[in-house]
N, C-alpha and C. Protein backbone atom coordinates (compact mmCIF):
# COMPACT_ATOMS: atom_id res chain seq x y z
N MET A 1 0.85 -1.20 0.00
CA MET A 1 0.00 0.00 0.00
C MET A 1 0.89 1.25 0.00
N ASP A 2 0.64 2.18 -0.95
CA ASP A 2 1.48 3.37 -1.02
C ASP A 2 1.10 4.37 0.07
N LEU A 3 1.96 5.39 0.23
CA LEU A 3 1.81 6.34 1.32
C LEU A 3 0.51 7.14 1.21
N SER A 4 0.10 7.49 0.00
CA SER A 4 -1.13 8.26 -0.17
C SER A 4 -2.34 7.48 0.32
N ALA A 5 -2.34 6.16 0.04
CA ALA A 5 -3.45 5.32 0.50
C ALA A 5 -3.46 5.22 2.02
N VAL A 6 -2.27 5.11 2.61
CA VAL A 6 -2.18 5.07 4.07
C VAL A 6 -2.79 6.32 4.70
N PHE A 7 -2.40 7.48 4.16
CA PHE A 7 -2.95 8.74 4.69
C PHE A 7 -4.46 8.81 4.47
N GLY A 8 -4.93 8.31 3.33
CA GLY A 8 -6.37 8.31 3.06
C GLY A 8 -7.14 7.46 4.05
N TRP A 9 -6.62 6.27 4.34
CA TRP A 9 -7.28 5.38 5.32
C TRP A 9 -7.20 5.96 6.73
N MET A 10 -6.08 6.58 7.06
CA MET A 10 -5.96 7.20 8.38
C MET A 10 -6.96 8.35 8.53
N ALA A 11 -7.14 9.13 7.47
CA ALA A 11 -8.12 10.22 7.51
C ALA A 11 -9.52 9.67 7.73
N ALA A 12 -9.86 8.62 7.01
CA ALA A 12 -11.19 8.02 7.16
C ALA A 12 -11.39 7.46 8.57
N ALA A 13 -10.37 6.78 9.11
CA ALA A 13 -10.48 6.18 10.44
C ALA A 13 -10.67 7.24 11.53
N THR A 14 -9.90 8.33 11.43
CA THR A 14 -10.02 9.36 12.45
C THR A 14 -11.34 10.12 12.36
N LEU A 15 -11.86 10.30 11.15
CA LEU A 15 -13.17 10.96 11.00
C LEU A 15 -14.28 10.08 11.54
N ILE A 16 -14.18 8.78 11.35
CA ILE A 16 -15.16 7.86 11.95
C ILE A 16 -15.08 7.91 13.47
N SER A 17 -13.85 7.96 13.99
CA SER A 17 -13.66 8.07 15.44
C SER A 17 -14.28 9.36 15.98
N ALA A 18 -14.20 10.44 15.19
CA ALA A 18 -14.80 11.71 15.62
C ALA A 18 -16.31 11.58 15.76
N VAL A 19 -16.94 10.86 14.84
CA VAL A 19 -18.38 10.65 14.89
C VAL A 19 -18.77 9.84 16.13
N LEU A 20 -17.92 8.91 16.51
CA LEU A 20 -18.21 8.03 17.66
C LEU A 20 -17.84 8.66 18.99
N ALA A 21 -17.07 9.74 18.98
CA ALA A 21 -16.61 10.35 20.23
C ALA A 21 -17.78 10.94 21.01
N HIS A 22 -17.73 10.83 22.35
CA HIS A 22 -18.79 11.35 23.20
C HIS A 22 -18.49 12.75 23.71
N GLN A 23 -17.23 13.09 23.81
CA GLN A 23 -16.88 14.40 24.33
C GLN A 23 -16.43 15.32 23.20
N VAL A 24 -16.81 16.59 23.35
CA VAL A 24 -16.52 17.57 22.30
C VAL A 24 -15.02 17.68 22.06
N ARG A 25 -14.23 17.69 23.14
CA ARG A 25 -12.79 17.85 22.99
C ARG A 25 -12.19 16.68 22.18
N ALA A 26 -12.62 15.47 22.50
CA ALA A 26 -12.13 14.30 21.77
C ALA A 26 -12.56 14.36 20.30
N MET A 27 -13.80 14.79 20.07
CA MET A 27 -14.29 14.90 18.70
C MET A 27 -13.43 15.88 17.90
N ARG A 28 -13.09 17.04 18.51
CA ARG A 28 -12.28 18.03 17.81
C ARG A 28 -10.88 17.50 17.51
N ILE A 29 -10.31 16.75 18.43
CA ILE A 29 -8.97 16.18 18.22
C ILE A 29 -8.99 15.22 17.04
N PHE A 30 -10.01 14.35 17.00
CA PHE A 30 -10.10 13.40 15.88
C PHE A 30 -10.34 14.13 14.56
N LEU A 31 -11.19 15.15 14.57
CA LEU A 31 -11.44 15.91 13.34
C LEU A 31 -10.18 16.60 12.85
N LEU A 32 -9.43 17.16 13.79
CA LEU A 32 -8.17 17.83 13.41
C LEU A 32 -7.20 16.82 12.81
N ALA A 33 -7.06 15.67 13.46
CA ALA A 33 -6.17 14.64 12.94
C ALA A 33 -6.61 14.16 11.57
N GLY A 34 -7.94 13.98 11.40
CA GLY A 34 -8.45 13.55 10.11
C GLY A 34 -8.15 14.56 9.02
N GLY A 35 -8.28 15.85 9.34
CA GLY A 35 -7.96 16.88 8.37
C GLY A 35 -6.49 16.89 8.00
N VAL A 36 -5.62 16.69 8.98
CA VAL A 36 -4.18 16.66 8.71
C VAL A 36 -3.83 15.48 7.80
N PHE A 37 -4.40 14.30 8.10
CA PHE A 37 -4.13 13.13 7.26
C PHE A 37 -4.66 13.35 5.84
N ALA A 38 -5.83 13.99 5.72
CA ALA A 38 -6.38 14.26 4.39
C ALA A 38 -5.47 15.23 3.63
N ALA A 39 -4.96 16.25 4.32
CA ALA A 39 -4.05 17.20 3.68
C ALA A 39 -2.78 16.50 3.21
N LEU A 40 -2.24 15.60 4.04
CA LEU A 40 -1.04 14.85 3.65
C LEU A 40 -1.31 13.96 2.44
N HIS A 41 -2.52 13.42 2.40
CA HIS A 41 -2.90 12.59 1.23
C HIS A 41 -2.82 13.41 -0.05
N PHE A 42 -3.36 14.64 -0.01
CA PHE A 42 -3.33 15.49 -1.20
C PHE A 42 -1.90 15.91 -1.55
N VAL A 43 -1.08 16.16 -0.52
CA VAL A 43 0.30 16.56 -0.77
C VAL A 43 1.07 15.45 -1.47
N VAL A 44 0.92 14.23 -0.97
CA VAL A 44 1.64 13.09 -1.54
C VAL A 44 1.22 12.82 -2.97
N THR A 45 -0.07 13.02 -3.26
CA THR A 45 -0.58 12.75 -4.61
C THR A 45 -0.49 13.96 -5.53
N ASP A 46 0.13 15.05 -5.03
CA ASP A 46 0.23 16.30 -5.80
C ASP A 46 -1.13 16.86 -6.18
N GLY A 47 -2.12 16.57 -5.34
CA GLY A 47 -3.47 17.07 -5.59
C GLY A 47 -3.72 18.38 -4.87
N LEU A 48 -2.96 19.40 -5.22
CA LEU A 48 -3.04 20.68 -4.53
C LEU A 48 -4.05 21.61 -5.22
N GLY A 49 -5.21 21.06 -5.49
CA GLY A 49 -6.27 21.84 -6.10
C GLY A 49 -7.20 22.43 -5.06
N PRO A 50 -8.42 22.80 -5.47
CA PRO A 50 -9.39 23.40 -4.53
C PRO A 50 -9.69 22.52 -3.32
N GLU A 51 -9.73 21.19 -3.54
CA GLU A 51 -10.04 20.28 -2.43
C GLU A 51 -9.01 20.40 -1.31
N PHE A 52 -7.74 20.57 -1.70
CA PHE A 52 -6.68 20.70 -0.71
C PHE A 52 -6.89 21.93 0.17
N PHE A 53 -7.28 23.04 -0.45
CA PHE A 53 -7.47 24.27 0.30
C PHE A 53 -8.73 24.21 1.18
N VAL A 54 -9.73 23.46 0.73
CA VAL A 54 -10.91 23.23 1.57
C VAL A 54 -10.50 22.46 2.82
N VAL A 55 -9.64 21.45 2.64
CA VAL A 55 -9.15 20.66 3.79
C VAL A 55 -8.35 21.55 4.74
N LEU A 56 -7.53 22.46 4.18
CA LEU A 56 -6.77 23.37 5.04
C LEU A 56 -7.69 24.25 5.89
N VAL A 57 -8.78 24.72 5.29
CA VAL A 57 -9.76 25.51 6.05
C VAL A 57 -10.37 24.65 7.15
N PHE A 58 -10.70 23.40 6.80
CA PHE A 58 -11.26 22.46 7.77
C PHE A 58 -10.31 22.27 8.95
N VAL A 59 -9.02 22.10 8.66
CA VAL A 59 -8.01 21.93 9.70
C VAL A 59 -7.90 23.19 10.56
N ALA A 60 -7.89 24.35 9.91
CA ALA A 60 -7.75 25.61 10.65
C ALA A 60 -8.92 25.86 11.58
N VAL A 61 -10.14 25.57 11.10
CA VAL A 61 -11.33 25.77 11.93
C VAL A 61 -11.30 24.88 13.16
N ASN A 62 -10.96 23.60 12.97
CA ASN A 62 -10.92 22.67 14.10
C ASN A 62 -9.78 22.99 15.06
N ALA A 63 -8.65 23.44 14.51
CA ALA A 63 -7.54 23.83 15.37
C ALA A 63 -7.93 25.03 16.23
N ALA A 64 -8.64 25.99 15.63
CA ALA A 64 -9.08 27.17 16.37
C ALA A 64 -10.07 26.80 17.46
N ARG A 65 -11.01 25.90 17.13
CA ARG A 65 -11.99 25.45 18.13
C ARG A 65 -11.32 24.70 19.27
N LEU A 66 -10.36 23.85 18.94
CA LEU A 66 -9.66 23.09 19.96
C LEU A 66 -8.85 24.02 20.85
N PHE A 67 -8.19 25.02 20.27
CA PHE A 67 -7.44 25.99 21.05
C PHE A 67 -8.38 26.78 21.97
N GLN A 68 -9.57 27.09 21.48
CA GLN A 68 -10.56 27.80 22.28
C GLN A 68 -10.96 26.98 23.50
N LEU A 69 -11.19 25.70 23.29
CA LEU A 69 -11.53 24.81 24.42
C LEU A 69 -10.37 24.71 25.39
N TRP A 70 -9.16 24.57 24.88
CA TRP A 70 -7.97 24.46 25.72
C TRP A 70 -7.76 25.74 26.52
N SER A 71 -7.93 26.89 25.89
CA SER A 71 -7.74 28.17 26.57
C SER A 71 -8.75 28.35 27.68
N ARG A 72 -9.99 27.95 27.41
CA ARG A 72 -11.03 28.07 28.43
C ARG A 72 -10.69 27.21 29.64
N SER A 73 -10.21 25.99 29.38
CA SER A 73 -9.85 25.09 30.47
C SER A 73 -8.66 25.61 31.26
N ARG A 74 -7.64 26.12 30.55
CA ARG A 74 -6.44 26.65 31.20
C ARG A 74 -6.75 27.91 32.00
N GLY A 75 -7.71 28.66 31.53
CA GLY A 75 -8.05 29.92 32.20
C GLY A 75 -8.71 29.73 33.54
N GLY A 76 -9.20 28.53 33.81
CA GLY A 76 -9.82 28.27 35.10
C GLY A 76 -11.17 28.91 35.27
N SER A 77 -11.75 29.42 34.18
CA SER A 77 -13.04 30.08 34.29
C SER A 77 -14.19 29.10 34.41
N MET A 78 -13.93 27.82 34.07
CA MET A 78 -14.96 26.82 34.10
C MET A 78 -14.57 25.72 35.09
N THR A 79 -15.48 25.37 36.00
CA THR A 79 -15.20 24.31 36.95
C THR A 79 -15.24 22.95 36.25
N ARG A 80 -14.71 21.94 36.93
CA ARG A 80 -14.72 20.59 36.35
C ARG A 80 -16.15 20.12 36.12
N GLU A 81 -17.05 20.41 37.07
CA GLU A 81 -18.44 20.00 36.92
C GLU A 81 -19.10 20.68 35.72
N GLU A 82 -18.80 21.96 35.54
CA GLU A 82 -19.37 22.68 34.40
C GLU A 82 -18.83 22.15 33.08
N GLN A 83 -17.53 21.85 33.03
CA GLN A 83 -16.94 21.30 31.82
C GLN A 83 -17.60 19.97 31.46
N GLU A 84 -17.83 19.12 32.46
CA GLU A 84 -18.47 17.83 32.21
C GLU A 84 -19.89 18.04 31.69
N LEU A 85 -20.62 18.97 32.29
CA LEU A 85 -21.99 19.24 31.88
C LEU A 85 -22.06 19.72 30.44
N PHE A 86 -21.22 20.69 30.09
CA PHE A 86 -21.29 21.27 28.75
C PHE A 86 -20.65 20.39 27.69
N ASP A 87 -19.50 19.80 28.00
CA ASP A 87 -18.76 19.02 27.00
C ASP A 87 -19.36 17.64 26.77
N HIS A 88 -19.78 16.99 27.83
CA HIS A 88 -20.20 15.60 27.73
C HIS A 88 -21.71 15.42 27.78
N VAL A 89 -22.37 16.12 28.71
CA VAL A 89 -23.82 15.90 28.90
C VAL A 89 -24.63 16.69 27.86
N MET A 90 -24.41 18.00 27.81
CA MET A 90 -25.17 18.82 26.85
C MET A 90 -24.50 18.92 25.49
N ARG A 91 -23.18 18.68 25.45
CA ARG A 91 -22.42 18.70 24.21
C ARG A 91 -22.53 20.06 23.50
N ILE A 92 -22.33 21.10 24.27
CA ILE A 92 -22.31 22.47 23.75
C ILE A 92 -20.89 22.99 23.88
N GLU A 93 -20.27 23.36 22.76
CA GLU A 93 -18.87 23.76 22.79
C GLU A 93 -18.65 25.25 22.63
N ASP A 94 -19.64 25.98 22.19
CA ASP A 94 -19.49 27.42 21.99
C ASP A 94 -19.43 28.12 23.35
N PRO A 95 -18.29 28.75 23.70
CA PRO A 95 -18.16 29.39 25.01
C PRO A 95 -19.24 30.43 25.28
N SER A 96 -19.67 31.16 24.26
CA SER A 96 -20.70 32.17 24.49
C SER A 96 -22.02 31.53 24.91
N LYS A 97 -22.36 30.40 24.31
CA LYS A 97 -23.59 29.69 24.68
C LYS A 97 -23.44 29.03 26.05
N GLN A 98 -22.24 28.52 26.33
CA GLN A 98 -21.99 27.96 27.65
C GLN A 98 -22.19 29.01 28.73
N ASN A 99 -21.67 30.21 28.49
CA ASN A 99 -21.80 31.28 29.48
C ASN A 99 -23.25 31.70 29.66
N ARG A 100 -24.04 31.66 28.58
CA ARG A 100 -25.46 31.99 28.71
C ARG A 100 -26.14 31.00 29.63
N LEU A 101 -25.77 29.72 29.50
CA LEU A 101 -26.36 28.70 30.37
C LEU A 101 -25.84 28.80 31.80
N ARG A 102 -24.58 29.14 31.95
CA ARG A 102 -24.00 29.27 33.30
C ARG A 102 -24.75 30.32 34.11
N ASP A 103 -25.22 31.35 33.44
CA ASP A 103 -25.94 32.42 34.13
C ASP A 103 -27.26 31.93 34.73
N LEU A 104 -27.75 30.78 34.24
CA LEU A 104 -29.04 30.26 34.70
C LEU A 104 -28.89 29.24 35.82
N MET A 105 -27.66 28.98 36.25
CA MET A 105 -27.40 27.89 37.20
C MET A 105 -26.94 28.40 38.56
N GLN A 106 -27.38 27.68 39.58
CA GLN A 106 -26.90 27.92 40.94
C GLN A 106 -26.36 26.60 41.48
N TRP A 107 -25.05 26.57 41.75
CA TRP A 107 -24.42 25.34 42.24
C TRP A 107 -24.41 25.33 43.76
N ARG A 108 -24.63 24.13 44.31
CA ARG A 108 -24.52 23.99 45.77
C ARG A 108 -24.31 22.52 46.13
N ASP A 109 -23.82 22.31 47.35
CA ASP A 109 -23.64 20.97 47.91
C ASP A 109 -24.84 20.64 48.78
N VAL A 110 -25.31 19.40 48.68
CA VAL A 110 -26.52 18.98 49.38
C VAL A 110 -26.21 17.75 50.23
N GLU A 111 -26.73 17.76 51.46
CA GLU A 111 -26.48 16.65 52.38
C GLU A 111 -27.53 15.56 52.23
N VAL A 112 -27.19 14.37 52.73
CA VAL A 112 -28.10 13.22 52.70
C VAL A 112 -29.38 13.56 53.46
N GLY A 113 -30.51 13.17 52.88
CA GLY A 113 -31.80 13.37 53.54
C GLY A 113 -32.58 14.57 53.03
N GLU A 114 -31.91 15.48 52.34
CA GLU A 114 -32.63 16.66 51.84
C GLU A 114 -33.54 16.27 50.69
N VAL A 115 -34.77 16.76 50.76
CA VAL A 115 -35.75 16.50 49.70
C VAL A 115 -35.61 17.58 48.64
N LEU A 116 -35.30 17.15 47.42
CA LEU A 116 -35.13 18.09 46.33
C LEU A 116 -36.46 18.44 45.67
N ILE A 117 -37.33 17.44 45.56
CA ILE A 117 -38.63 17.61 44.92
C ILE A 117 -39.66 16.80 45.69
N ASP A 118 -40.82 17.38 45.92
CA ASP A 118 -41.94 16.67 46.54
C ASP A 118 -42.92 16.22 45.46
N GLN A 119 -43.48 15.02 45.65
CA GLN A 119 -44.48 14.54 44.70
C GLN A 119 -45.65 15.51 44.64
N ASN A 120 -46.14 15.78 43.43
CA ASN A 120 -47.24 16.70 43.15
C ASN A 120 -46.86 18.17 43.32
N GLN A 121 -45.58 18.44 43.55
CA GLN A 121 -45.14 19.83 43.68
C GLN A 121 -45.36 20.57 42.37
N ILE A 122 -45.92 21.76 42.46
CA ILE A 122 -46.14 22.59 41.28
C ILE A 122 -44.83 23.29 40.92
N ASP A 123 -44.51 23.30 39.63
CA ASP A 123 -43.29 23.92 39.15
C ASP A 123 -42.06 23.47 39.95
N PRO A 124 -41.79 22.15 39.98
CA PRO A 124 -40.61 21.67 40.72
C PRO A 124 -39.33 22.17 40.08
N PRO A 125 -38.25 22.22 40.85
CA PRO A 125 -36.98 22.71 40.29
C PRO A 125 -36.42 21.75 39.24
N LEU A 126 -35.62 22.30 38.36
CA LEU A 126 -34.90 21.51 37.36
C LEU A 126 -33.45 21.42 37.83
N ILE A 127 -32.98 20.19 38.07
CA ILE A 127 -31.70 19.98 38.74
C ILE A 127 -30.80 19.06 37.92
N TYR A 128 -29.53 19.43 37.84
CA TYR A 128 -28.50 18.57 37.26
C TYR A 128 -27.62 18.04 38.39
N ILE A 129 -27.38 16.73 38.41
CA ILE A 129 -26.58 16.10 39.45
C ILE A 129 -25.16 15.89 38.92
N ALA A 130 -24.19 16.55 39.54
CA ALA A 130 -22.79 16.38 39.14
C ALA A 130 -22.17 15.19 39.86
N THR A 131 -22.40 15.09 41.17
CA THR A 131 -21.94 13.95 41.97
C THR A 131 -23.02 13.62 42.99
N GLY A 132 -22.98 12.39 43.50
CA GLY A 132 -23.96 11.98 44.50
C GLY A 132 -25.07 11.14 43.91
N ARG A 133 -26.09 10.93 44.73
CA ARG A 133 -27.20 10.07 44.30
C ARG A 133 -28.48 10.46 45.02
N ALA A 134 -29.61 10.21 44.35
CA ALA A 134 -30.91 10.52 44.93
C ALA A 134 -31.88 9.38 44.66
N SER A 135 -32.81 9.18 45.58
CA SER A 135 -33.87 8.18 45.39
C SER A 135 -35.09 8.86 44.79
N ILE A 136 -35.86 8.08 44.02
CA ILE A 136 -37.10 8.58 43.43
C ILE A 136 -38.23 7.68 43.94
N LYS A 137 -39.15 8.26 44.70
CA LYS A 137 -40.25 7.49 45.29
C LYS A 137 -41.59 8.04 44.83
N ARG A 138 -42.49 7.12 44.48
CA ARG A 138 -43.85 7.50 44.10
C ARG A 138 -44.81 6.84 45.08
N ASP A 139 -45.61 7.66 45.74
CA ASP A 139 -46.54 7.17 46.77
C ASP A 139 -45.80 6.37 47.84
N GLY A 140 -44.60 6.83 48.17
CA GLY A 140 -43.82 6.19 49.22
C GLY A 140 -43.02 4.98 48.78
N GLN A 141 -43.19 4.52 47.55
CA GLN A 141 -42.49 3.34 47.06
C GLN A 141 -41.32 3.76 46.17
N LEU A 142 -40.16 3.12 46.41
CA LEU A 142 -38.98 3.41 45.61
C LEU A 142 -39.18 2.89 44.19
N VAL A 143 -39.08 3.76 43.21
CA VAL A 143 -39.27 3.36 41.81
C VAL A 143 -38.00 3.51 40.98
N ASN A 144 -37.05 4.29 41.49
CA ASN A 144 -35.83 4.50 40.71
C ASN A 144 -34.82 5.26 41.54
N GLU A 145 -33.62 5.41 40.99
CA GLU A 145 -32.59 6.27 41.58
C GLU A 145 -31.93 7.03 40.43
N CYS A 146 -31.26 8.09 40.78
CA CYS A 146 -30.53 8.84 39.75
C CYS A 146 -29.21 9.32 40.35
N GLY A 147 -28.24 9.54 39.47
CA GLY A 147 -26.91 9.92 39.96
C GLY A 147 -26.21 10.87 39.03
N ALA A 148 -24.88 10.84 39.09
CA ALA A 148 -24.04 11.79 38.37
C ALA A 148 -24.34 11.79 36.87
N GLY A 149 -24.44 13.00 36.30
CA GLY A 149 -24.69 13.14 34.88
C GLY A 149 -26.16 13.11 34.49
N GLU A 150 -27.06 13.01 35.48
CA GLU A 150 -28.48 12.93 35.19
C GLU A 150 -29.21 14.17 35.70
N PHE A 151 -30.43 14.34 35.19
CA PHE A 151 -31.29 15.44 35.60
C PHE A 151 -32.46 14.90 36.41
N VAL A 152 -33.03 15.75 37.26
CA VAL A 152 -34.32 15.48 37.87
C VAL A 152 -35.19 16.71 37.67
N GLY A 153 -36.48 16.46 37.49
CA GLY A 153 -37.39 17.55 37.23
C GLY A 153 -37.56 17.85 35.76
N GLU A 154 -36.87 17.08 34.90
CA GLU A 154 -36.93 17.37 33.46
C GLU A 154 -38.29 17.00 32.87
N ILE A 155 -38.96 15.98 33.43
CA ILE A 155 -40.26 15.59 32.90
C ILE A 155 -41.27 16.71 33.12
N SER A 156 -41.27 17.27 34.31
CA SER A 156 -42.17 18.39 34.60
C SER A 156 -41.84 19.61 33.76
N HIS A 157 -40.54 19.81 33.53
CA HIS A 157 -40.12 20.94 32.70
C HIS A 157 -40.65 20.80 31.28
N ILE A 158 -40.64 19.57 30.77
CA ILE A 158 -41.09 19.32 29.39
C ILE A 158 -42.61 19.36 29.31
N SER A 159 -43.28 18.70 30.27
CA SER A 159 -44.74 18.55 30.20
C SER A 159 -45.50 19.73 30.78
N GLY A 160 -44.89 20.43 31.74
CA GLY A 160 -45.59 21.51 32.41
C GLY A 160 -46.44 21.03 33.58
N ASP A 161 -46.43 19.72 33.84
CA ASP A 161 -47.21 19.16 34.95
C ASP A 161 -46.43 19.23 36.25
N GLY A 162 -47.11 18.90 37.35
CA GLY A 162 -46.45 18.85 38.65
C GLY A 162 -45.53 17.64 38.74
N ALA A 163 -44.78 17.57 39.83
CA ALA A 163 -43.82 16.48 40.02
C ALA A 163 -44.55 15.16 40.20
N SER A 164 -44.08 14.13 39.53
CA SER A 164 -44.71 12.81 39.60
C SER A 164 -44.15 11.95 40.72
N ALA A 165 -43.06 12.41 41.37
CA ALA A 165 -42.42 11.61 42.42
C ALA A 165 -41.65 12.52 43.36
N THR A 166 -41.26 11.93 44.49
CA THR A 166 -40.43 12.64 45.48
C THR A 166 -38.98 12.25 45.28
N VAL A 167 -38.11 13.24 45.25
CA VAL A 167 -36.68 13.00 45.03
C VAL A 167 -35.93 13.40 46.30
N THR A 168 -35.17 12.44 46.87
CA THR A 168 -34.46 12.66 48.13
C THR A 168 -33.00 12.27 47.98
N VAL A 169 -32.10 13.07 48.52
CA VAL A 169 -30.66 12.80 48.43
C VAL A 169 -30.31 11.62 49.32
N VAL A 170 -29.62 10.63 48.75
CA VAL A 170 -29.20 9.45 49.52
C VAL A 170 -27.68 9.36 49.63
N LEU A 171 -26.94 10.10 48.79
CA LEU A 171 -25.50 10.23 48.91
C LEU A 171 -25.15 11.71 48.74
N PRO A 172 -24.18 12.22 49.51
CA PRO A 172 -23.84 13.64 49.42
C PRO A 172 -23.71 14.09 47.97
N MET A 173 -24.29 15.24 47.68
CA MET A 173 -24.48 15.63 46.28
C MET A 173 -23.93 17.02 45.98
N ARG A 174 -23.37 17.14 44.78
CA ARG A 174 -23.04 18.43 44.20
C ARG A 174 -23.99 18.62 43.03
N MET A 175 -24.79 19.67 43.04
CA MET A 175 -25.84 19.84 42.04
C MET A 175 -25.94 21.28 41.58
N ALA A 176 -26.56 21.43 40.41
CA ALA A 176 -26.85 22.76 39.88
C ALA A 176 -28.34 22.85 39.62
N GLN A 177 -28.95 23.91 40.13
CA GLN A 177 -30.37 24.15 39.85
C GLN A 177 -30.48 25.19 38.74
N LEU A 178 -31.27 24.84 37.72
CA LEU A 178 -31.43 25.73 36.58
C LEU A 178 -32.72 26.52 36.70
N ASP A 179 -32.68 27.77 36.31
CA ASP A 179 -33.87 28.62 36.28
C ASP A 179 -34.75 28.17 35.12
N ARG A 180 -35.89 27.53 35.44
CA ARG A 180 -36.74 26.95 34.41
C ARG A 180 -37.27 27.99 33.43
N ASP A 181 -37.79 29.09 33.95
CA ASP A 181 -38.38 30.11 33.09
C ASP A 181 -37.33 30.75 32.17
N ALA A 182 -36.17 31.05 32.76
CA ALA A 182 -35.10 31.66 31.96
C ALA A 182 -34.60 30.68 30.92
N LEU A 183 -34.54 29.38 31.26
CA LEU A 183 -34.09 28.37 30.31
C LEU A 183 -35.08 28.28 29.14
N ALA A 184 -36.37 28.33 29.44
CA ALA A 184 -37.39 28.26 28.38
C ALA A 184 -37.24 29.44 27.42
N GLN A 185 -36.99 30.62 27.97
CA GLN A 185 -36.81 31.80 27.12
C GLN A 185 -35.54 31.68 26.29
N LEU A 186 -34.47 31.18 26.91
CA LEU A 186 -33.20 31.05 26.20
C LEU A 186 -33.31 30.06 25.05
N THR A 187 -33.97 28.93 25.28
CA THR A 187 -34.09 27.92 24.23
C THR A 187 -34.98 28.38 23.08
N GLN A 188 -35.88 29.31 23.36
CA GLN A 188 -36.71 29.87 22.29
C GLN A 188 -35.90 30.84 21.43
N SER A 189 -35.04 31.62 22.07
CA SER A 189 -34.24 32.59 21.32
C SER A 189 -33.04 31.95 20.64
N LEU A 190 -32.55 30.83 21.20
CA LEU A 190 -31.41 30.12 20.61
C LEU A 190 -31.79 28.66 20.43
N PRO A 191 -32.42 28.32 19.30
CA PRO A 191 -32.91 26.95 19.10
C PRO A 191 -31.82 25.88 19.22
N GLU A 192 -30.56 26.22 18.86
CA GLU A 192 -29.50 25.21 18.96
C GLU A 192 -29.26 24.79 20.40
N ILE A 193 -29.42 25.73 21.34
CA ILE A 193 -29.32 25.38 22.76
C ILE A 193 -30.51 24.51 23.15
N GLY A 194 -31.69 24.87 22.63
CA GLY A 194 -32.87 24.07 22.92
C GLY A 194 -32.71 22.63 22.48
N ARG A 195 -32.14 22.43 21.30
CA ARG A 195 -31.93 21.06 20.81
C ARG A 195 -30.93 20.31 21.67
N ALA A 196 -29.87 21.00 22.09
CA ALA A 196 -28.86 20.36 22.94
C ALA A 196 -29.44 19.97 24.29
N VAL A 197 -30.25 20.86 24.88
CA VAL A 197 -30.87 20.59 26.17
C VAL A 197 -31.86 19.43 26.05
N ASP A 198 -32.68 19.45 24.99
CA ASP A 198 -33.65 18.36 24.79
C ASP A 198 -32.94 17.02 24.64
N SER A 199 -31.84 17.00 23.90
CA SER A 199 -31.09 15.75 23.72
C SER A 199 -30.53 15.25 25.06
N ALA A 200 -30.03 16.19 25.87
CA ALA A 200 -29.50 15.81 27.19
C ALA A 200 -30.60 15.25 28.07
N PHE A 201 -31.78 15.88 28.05
CA PHE A 201 -32.92 15.38 28.82
C PHE A 201 -33.32 13.98 28.34
N ASN A 202 -33.37 13.78 27.03
CA ASN A 202 -33.77 12.48 26.49
C ASN A 202 -32.79 11.38 26.90
N ARG A 203 -31.50 11.70 26.89
CA ARG A 203 -30.51 10.69 27.30
C ARG A 203 -30.67 10.37 28.78
N SER A 204 -30.92 11.39 29.59
CA SER A 204 -31.12 11.17 31.02
C SER A 204 -32.35 10.31 31.27
N LEU A 205 -33.45 10.59 30.56
CA LEU A 205 -34.66 9.80 30.71
C LEU A 205 -34.45 8.36 30.26
N ALA A 206 -33.68 8.18 29.18
CA ALA A 206 -33.43 6.83 28.68
C ALA A 206 -32.69 5.99 29.72
N VAL A 207 -31.71 6.60 30.38
CA VAL A 207 -30.96 5.89 31.43
C VAL A 207 -31.90 5.47 32.55
N LYS A 208 -32.82 6.36 32.94
CA LYS A 208 -33.75 6.04 34.01
C LYS A 208 -34.69 4.90 33.62
N VAL A 209 -35.18 4.92 32.38
CA VAL A 209 -36.08 3.87 31.92
C VAL A 209 -35.38 2.52 31.90
N ILE A 210 -34.14 2.50 31.40
CA ILE A 210 -33.37 1.26 31.37
C ILE A 210 -33.15 0.73 32.77
N ARG A 211 -32.79 1.61 33.71
CA ARG A 211 -32.56 1.20 35.09
C ARG A 211 -33.84 0.67 35.72
N MET A 212 -34.97 1.31 35.43
CA MET A 212 -36.24 0.87 35.99
C MET A 212 -36.64 -0.51 35.44
N ASN A 213 -36.43 -0.71 34.14
CA ASN A 213 -36.76 -2.02 33.54
C ASN A 213 -35.89 -3.12 34.13
N GLU A 214 -34.61 -2.82 34.37
CA GLU A 214 -33.72 -3.83 34.97
C GLU A 214 -34.18 -4.18 36.38
N ALA A 215 -34.61 -3.15 37.13
CA ALA A 215 -35.08 -3.40 38.50
C ALA A 215 -36.36 -4.27 38.49
N ILE A 216 -37.25 -4.02 37.52
CA ILE A 216 -38.47 -4.82 37.43
C ILE A 216 -38.15 -6.26 37.09
N GLU A 217 -37.20 -6.47 36.18
CA GLU A 217 -36.81 -7.84 35.81
C GLU A 217 -36.18 -8.56 37.00
N GLU A 218 -35.35 -7.87 37.76
CA GLU A 218 -34.75 -8.50 38.93
C GLU A 218 -35.81 -8.87 39.97
N ALA A 219 -36.78 -8.01 40.17
CA ALA A 219 -37.84 -8.28 41.14
C ALA A 219 -38.69 -9.47 40.70
N GLN A 220 -38.92 -9.62 39.39
CA GLN A 220 -39.71 -10.73 38.90
C GLN A 220 -38.98 -12.04 39.00
N ASN A 221 -37.64 -11.99 38.90
CA ASN A 221 -36.85 -13.21 39.00
C ASN A 221 -36.59 -13.60 40.45
């Protein structure tokens, strides 16, 4: 296999890896590497036409985005919990959009036993759990639990109904409470944030449903 083919296959492999990456930073690294391999492919084959310059723009854009993420992390302006929330959970990489969301959050540490949401509560809070764990009880019966990387109160936020269960802290927790009304306004003015938030909520709900189904199967066995 000649060198141009090697670079071509490496470009394809890294771009596929970018699609499979869960974190924005990893995705940008793979995209940058894929662009570099693609550029080398064109150099080796003497294909320095318009396609080569498009690849150079692609490389430059991803390098700039990656440097932006690195600078933000080095600057210490974002906590580890916030980085995890934006990069991995919500998958929002634009610092300006991240800052808009940060303005809607209040972070605090919560002790075991504190009730975050009461069943049938009107307009329950919307909470993101960075660390710790909480129980979810309906009519006094344990139906589920939730932990790091998950939301509580998202069903009420989406449906507009009251809380369907009581949520109580069972392991010391670090959490962020989001301003529901402000978030609704922000997602209307910036649809891309709305899509990212909806996707994060859907993933959180999917994890809860899977966990609940596993608990039901264990109880039946």
